[in-house]
Amino acid sequence: MREYRAHLLAGGPPGPMWCDVCDESKQTLFRLAPRPAQRESDPGDGETWALCGGCSEGLEDGAVITAADLEERRQRRRGSQEP
């Protein structure tokens, strides 16, 4: 399963950016990048993810998050936005 390392954006959020979890333009607090070992085994995938404050809740700088964790966060955010 693909794993990503969370990186807290230094110097605070750069301004509104697209959150890849809730699909809204919000203040991005974290960037997720593929872990280096996976980058070597799959050099064609340099995919990074941006997470807003709500979607990154509970994350810490340097934490490892899986694709399944991202999907769980996506489902949780969608559920909180339904009427």
N, C-alpha and C. Protein backbone atom coordinates (compact mmCIF):
# COMPACT_ATOMS: atom_id res chain seq x y z
N MET A 1 0.84 -1.18 0.00
CA MET A 1 0.00 0.00 0.00
C MET A 1 0.88 1.24 0.00
N ARG A 2 0.52 2.22 -0.79
CA ARG A 2 1.30 3.44 -0.91
C ARG A 2 1.26 4.22 0.40
N GLU A 3 2.43 4.72 0.79
CA GLU A 3 2.53 5.52 2.01
C GLU A 3 3.10 6.89 1.67
N TYR A 4 2.66 7.88 2.44
CA TYR A 4 3.10 9.26 2.25
C TYR A 4 3.61 9.81 3.57
N ARG A 5 4.54 10.74 3.51
CA ARG A 5 5.02 11.42 4.70
C ARG A 5 4.43 12.82 4.71
N ALA A 6 3.89 13.21 5.87
CA ALA A 6 3.27 14.53 6.02
C ALA A 6 4.34 15.58 6.33
N HIS A 7 4.26 16.70 5.64
CA HIS A 7 5.18 17.81 5.86
C HIS A 7 4.36 19.07 6.16
N LEU A 8 4.52 19.58 7.37
CA LEU A 8 3.87 20.82 7.76
C LEU A 8 4.50 21.94 6.95
N LEU A 9 3.69 22.78 6.35
CA LEU A 9 4.23 23.87 5.54
C LEU A 9 4.90 24.90 6.44
N ALA A 10 6.19 25.11 6.25
CA ALA A 10 6.97 26.04 7.07
C ALA A 10 6.52 27.47 6.81
N GLY A 11 6.51 28.26 7.84
CA GLY A 11 6.14 29.66 7.70
C GLY A 11 4.64 29.87 7.59
N GLY A 12 3.86 28.86 7.88
CA GLY A 12 2.42 29.00 7.81
C GLY A 12 1.88 28.71 6.43
N PRO A 13 0.58 28.69 6.30
CA PRO A 13 -0.05 28.39 5.02
C PRO A 13 0.27 29.46 3.97
N PRO A 14 0.48 29.03 2.71
CA PRO A 14 0.80 29.98 1.66
C PRO A 14 -0.41 30.72 1.10
N GLY A 15 -1.57 30.44 1.60
CA GLY A 15 -2.80 31.02 1.07
C GLY A 15 -3.70 29.90 0.57
N PRO A 16 -4.86 30.26 0.08
CA PRO A 16 -5.80 29.23 -0.37
C PRO A 16 -5.21 28.38 -1.50
N MET A 17 -5.33 27.08 -1.33
CA MET A 17 -4.91 26.12 -2.34
C MET A 17 -5.96 25.02 -2.38
N TRP A 18 -5.89 24.17 -3.38
CA TRP A 18 -6.87 23.10 -3.52
C TRP A 18 -6.54 21.96 -2.57
N CYS A 19 -7.47 21.59 -1.71
CA CYS A 19 -7.30 20.45 -0.81
C CYS A 19 -7.68 19.19 -1.59
N ASP A 20 -6.77 18.23 -1.64
CA ASP A 20 -7.00 17.01 -2.40
C ASP A 20 -7.90 16.01 -1.69
N VAL A 21 -8.29 16.30 -0.46
CA VAL A 21 -9.18 15.39 0.26
C VAL A 21 -10.62 15.86 0.17
N CYS A 22 -10.90 17.13 0.52
CA CYS A 22 -12.28 17.61 0.49
C CYS A 22 -12.64 18.29 -0.83
N ASP A 23 -11.67 18.43 -1.72
CA ASP A 23 -11.90 19.03 -3.04
C ASP A 23 -12.45 20.45 -2.96
N GLU A 24 -11.87 21.25 -2.05
CA GLU A 24 -12.25 22.66 -1.91
C GLU A 24 -10.99 23.51 -1.82
N SER A 25 -11.11 24.76 -2.18
CA SER A 25 -9.99 25.69 -2.06
C SER A 25 -9.97 26.23 -0.63
N LYS A 26 -8.93 25.85 0.12
CA LYS A 26 -8.82 26.24 1.52
C LYS A 26 -7.35 26.49 1.85
N GLN A 27 -7.10 26.93 3.08
CA GLN A 27 -5.73 27.10 3.54
C GLN A 27 -5.07 25.73 3.67
N THR A 28 -4.02 25.50 2.92
CA THR A 28 -3.31 24.22 2.98
C THR A 28 -2.31 24.25 4.13
N LEU A 29 -2.37 23.24 5.00
CA LEU A 29 -1.46 23.18 6.13
C LEU A 29 -0.39 22.11 5.95
N PHE A 30 -0.72 21.03 5.23
CA PHE A 30 0.21 19.93 5.05
C PHE A 30 0.36 19.57 3.59
N ARG A 31 1.53 19.08 3.25
CA ARG A 31 1.80 18.46 1.96
C ARG A 31 2.17 17.01 2.24
N LEU A 32 1.63 16.10 1.48
CA LEU A 32 1.99 14.69 1.60
C LEU A 32 2.81 14.32 0.38
N ALA A 33 3.95 13.68 0.60
CA ALA A 33 4.82 13.26 -0.50
C ALA A 33 5.09 11.77 -0.33
N PRO A 34 5.23 11.05 -1.44
CA PRO A 34 5.54 9.61 -1.34
C PRO A 34 6.82 9.40 -0.54
N ARG A 35 6.83 8.34 0.25
CA ARG A 35 8.02 8.04 1.04
C ARG A 35 9.17 7.70 0.10
N PRO A 36 10.39 8.07 0.44
CA PRO A 36 11.54 7.89 -0.46
C PRO A 36 11.73 6.47 -0.96
N ALA A 37 11.55 5.47 -0.13
CA ALA A 37 11.74 4.09 -0.57
C ALA A 37 10.76 3.75 -1.69
N GLN A 38 9.55 4.27 -1.62
CA GLN A 38 8.57 4.00 -2.65
C GLN A 38 8.88 4.78 -3.91
N ARG A 39 9.44 5.97 -3.75
CA ARG A 39 9.79 6.78 -4.91
C ARG A 39 10.83 6.05 -5.75
N GLU A 40 11.78 5.36 -5.10
CA GLU A 40 12.81 4.62 -5.82
C GLU A 40 12.22 3.42 -6.55
N SER A 41 11.26 2.73 -5.91
CA SER A 41 10.68 1.55 -6.54
C SER A 41 9.66 1.92 -7.60
N ASP A 42 9.15 3.12 -7.55
CA ASP A 42 8.15 3.58 -8.52
C ASP A 42 8.49 5.02 -8.91
N PRO A 43 9.60 5.21 -9.64
CA PRO A 43 10.09 6.56 -9.92
C PRO A 43 9.14 7.42 -10.75
N GLY A 44 8.18 6.84 -11.41
CA GLY A 44 7.26 7.63 -12.22
C GLY A 44 6.19 8.33 -11.43
N ASP A 45 6.06 8.01 -10.15
CA ASP A 45 4.99 8.58 -9.35
C ASP A 45 5.55 9.61 -8.37
N GLY A 46 5.50 10.89 -8.73
CA GLY A 46 5.93 11.94 -7.84
C GLY A 46 4.75 12.65 -7.23
N GLU A 47 3.62 11.96 -7.16
CA GLU A 47 2.36 12.54 -6.71
C GLU A 47 2.47 13.07 -5.29
N THR A 48 2.02 14.32 -5.09
CA THR A 48 1.93 14.90 -3.76
C THR A 48 0.48 15.28 -3.53
N TRP A 49 0.12 15.41 -2.28
CA TRP A 49 -1.24 15.76 -1.90
C TRP A 49 -1.17 16.99 -1.00
N ALA A 50 -2.18 17.85 -1.09
CA ALA A 50 -2.30 19.01 -0.21
C ALA A 50 -3.51 18.76 0.69
N LEU A 51 -3.37 19.07 1.98
CA LEU A 51 -4.45 18.88 2.93
C LEU A 51 -4.72 20.18 3.68
N CYS A 52 -6.00 20.54 3.79
CA CYS A 52 -6.40 21.73 4.55
C CYS A 52 -6.39 21.39 6.05
N GLY A 53 -6.66 22.38 6.86
CA GLY A 53 -6.66 22.19 8.31
C GLY A 53 -7.64 21.14 8.79
N GLY A 54 -8.85 21.14 8.24
CA GLY A 54 -9.85 20.17 8.66
C GLY A 54 -9.50 18.75 8.25
N CYS A 55 -8.97 18.59 7.05
CA CYS A 55 -8.63 17.26 6.55
C CYS A 55 -7.34 16.73 7.15
N SER A 56 -6.50 17.61 7.68
CA SER A 56 -5.24 17.17 8.27
C SER A 56 -5.33 17.06 9.79
N GLU A 57 -6.53 17.15 10.32
CA GLU A 57 -6.73 17.09 11.76
C GLU A 57 -6.07 15.85 12.35
N GLY A 58 -5.25 16.07 13.38
CA GLY A 58 -4.57 14.97 14.06
C GLY A 58 -3.22 14.59 13.46
N LEU A 59 -2.86 15.17 12.32
CA LEU A 59 -1.56 14.88 11.70
C LEU A 59 -0.46 15.69 12.37
N GLU A 60 0.72 15.13 12.40
CA GLU A 60 1.89 15.84 12.89
C GLU A 60 2.95 15.82 11.81
N ASP A 61 3.85 16.78 11.85
CA ASP A 61 4.92 16.86 10.87
C ASP A 61 5.73 15.56 10.91
N GLY A 62 5.95 14.95 9.76
CA GLY A 62 6.73 13.73 9.67
C GLY A 62 5.91 12.45 9.80
N ALA A 63 4.62 12.57 10.09
CA ALA A 63 3.77 11.39 10.23
C ALA A 63 3.65 10.65 8.90
N VAL A 64 3.44 9.34 8.97
CA VAL A 64 3.25 8.53 7.77
C VAL A 64 1.76 8.24 7.64
N ILE A 65 1.23 8.45 6.44
CA ILE A 65 -0.19 8.23 6.18
C ILE A 65 -0.31 7.37 4.93
N THR A 66 -1.25 6.45 4.92
CA THR A 66 -1.44 5.56 3.78
C THR A 66 -2.56 6.06 2.89
N ALA A 67 -2.66 5.48 1.71
CA ALA A 67 -3.74 5.82 0.78
C ALA A 67 -5.09 5.49 1.42
N ALA A 68 -5.16 4.43 2.22
CA ALA A 68 -6.40 4.07 2.91
C ALA A 68 -6.77 5.15 3.94
N ASP A 69 -5.77 5.70 4.63
CA ASP A 69 -6.02 6.79 5.58
C ASP A 69 -6.59 8.01 4.87
N LEU A 70 -6.04 8.31 3.69
CA LEU A 70 -6.55 9.44 2.91
C LEU A 70 -8.00 9.22 2.52
N GLU A 71 -8.34 8.02 2.09
CA GLU A 71 -9.71 7.72 1.70
C GLU A 71 -10.65 7.81 2.90
N GLU A 72 -10.19 7.37 4.07
CA GLU A 72 -11.01 7.47 5.29
C GLU A 72 -11.27 8.93 5.63
N ARG A 73 -10.25 9.77 5.51
CA ARG A 73 -10.43 11.20 5.76
C ARG A 73 -11.40 11.80 4.76
N ARG A 74 -11.31 11.39 3.51
CA ARG A 74 -12.21 11.88 2.47
C ARG A 74 -13.66 11.52 2.79
N GLN A 75 -13.89 10.29 3.19
CA GLN A 75 -15.25 9.84 3.53
C GLN A 75 -15.78 10.57 4.76
N ARG A 76 -14.92 10.79 5.73
CA ARG A 76 -15.33 11.50 6.95
C ARG A 76 -15.73 12.93 6.62
N ARG A 77 -14.94 13.62 5.76
CA ARG A 77 -15.25 14.99 5.38
C ARG A 77 -16.55 15.07 4.58
N ARG A 78 -16.76 14.11 3.69
CA ARG A 78 -17.99 14.10 2.90
C ARG A 78 -19.19 13.89 3.80
N GLY A 79 -19.06 13.02 4.78
CA GLY A 79 -20.15 12.76 5.71
C GLY A 79 -20.50 13.97 6.55
N SER A 80 -19.49 14.77 6.90
CA SER A 80 -19.75 15.95 7.73
C SER A 80 -20.37 17.07 6.94
N GLN A 81 -20.32 17.01 5.60
CA GLN A 81 -20.87 18.06 4.77
C GLN A 81 -22.26 17.74 4.24
N GLU A 82 -22.74 16.54 4.48
CA GLU A 82 -24.08 16.16 4.00
C GLU A 82 -25.14 16.74 4.93
N PRO A 83 -26.32 17.09 4.39
CA PRO A 83 -27.38 17.69 5.22
C PRO A 83 -27.93 16.73 6.25
